[in-house]
Amino acid sequence: AQRYCPAGVYEIMENDDGSKRFQINATNCVHCKTCDIKDPSQNITWVTPEGGGGPNYPNM
């Protein structure tokens, strides 16, 4: 997911002990739905944010 997400929502982080963990930065999401479309294993279920109306971009 970290390779195809244009907003950097998904990251692999390294812990202090050298182990790695998967981190989701939901605040980076631009609601493009790429993760749902391109996910080969289809384990991401994308839902419309902000109560079902989608993102509210004031300048669009």
Protein backbone atom coordinates (compact mmCIF):
# COMPACT_ATOMS: atom_id res chain seq x y z
CA ALA A 1 0.00 0.00 0.00
CA GLN A 2 2.86 2.39 0.68
CA ARG A 3 3.98 2.15 -2.95
CA TYR A 4 0.73 3.16 -4.63
CA CYS A 5 -0.72 5.66 -2.14
CA PRO A 6 0.00 9.17 -3.47
CA ALA A 7 -0.47 10.79 -0.05
CA GLY A 8 1.87 8.64 2.07
CA VAL A 9 -0.89 7.25 4.27
CA TYR A 10 0.77 3.84 4.72
CA GLU A 11 4.30 3.58 6.17
CA ILE A 12 6.63 0.92 7.51
CA MET A 13 8.22 2.34 10.66
CA GLU A 14 11.24 0.97 12.51
CA ASN A 15 11.00 0.60 16.28
CA ASP A 16 13.89 1.29 18.67
CA ASP A 17 14.65 -2.43 18.92
CA GLY A 18 15.01 -2.76 15.13
CA SER A 19 11.66 -4.45 14.53
CA LYS A 20 9.27 -2.97 11.99
CA ARG A 21 5.62 -2.02 12.24
CA PHE A 22 2.95 -0.89 9.79
CA GLN A 23 1.59 2.61 10.47
CA ILE A 24 -1.46 4.27 8.95
CA ASN A 25 -1.45 8.09 8.81
CA ALA A 26 -5.15 8.67 8.19
CA THR A 27 -4.79 12.45 8.38
CA ASN A 28 -2.71 12.38 5.17
CA CYS A 29 -5.54 10.78 3.18
CA VAL A 30 -6.76 12.81 0.20
CA HIS A 31 -9.75 10.50 -0.40
CA CYS A 32 -8.60 9.40 -3.85
CA LYS A 33 -9.66 5.75 -3.28
CA THR A 34 -6.45 4.44 -4.89
CA CYS A 35 -5.87 2.08 -1.96
CA ASP A 36 -9.22 0.37 -2.57
CA ILE A 37 -8.76 0.14 -6.33
CA LYS A 38 -5.11 -0.96 -6.48
CA ASP A 39 -4.93 -3.24 -3.43
CA PRO A 40 -4.10 -6.66 -4.93
CA SER A 41 -5.35 -8.63 -1.92
CA GLN A 42 -8.50 -6.47 -1.55
CA ASN A 43 -8.07 -6.23 2.24
CA ILE A 44 -8.75 -2.46 2.35
CA THR A 45 -12.39 -1.43 2.53
CA TRP A 46 -12.60 2.25 1.67
CA VAL A 47 -15.60 4.14 3.01
CA THR A 48 -16.71 7.68 2.30
CA PRO A 49 -15.42 10.03 5.01
CA GLU A 50 -17.20 12.84 6.84
CA GLY A 51 -20.53 11.18 7.42
CA GLY A 52 -21.16 9.81 3.94
CA GLY A 53 -21.04 13.07 2.00
CA GLY A 54 -17.39 12.81 1.07
CA PRO A 55 -14.71 15.40 1.70
CA ASN A 56 -15.74 19.03 1.86
CA TYR A 57 -13.21 21.01 -0.17
CA PRO A 58 -14.16 24.70 0.19
CA ASN A 59 -12.36 25.90 -2.98
CA MET A 60 -13.86 23.40 -5.41
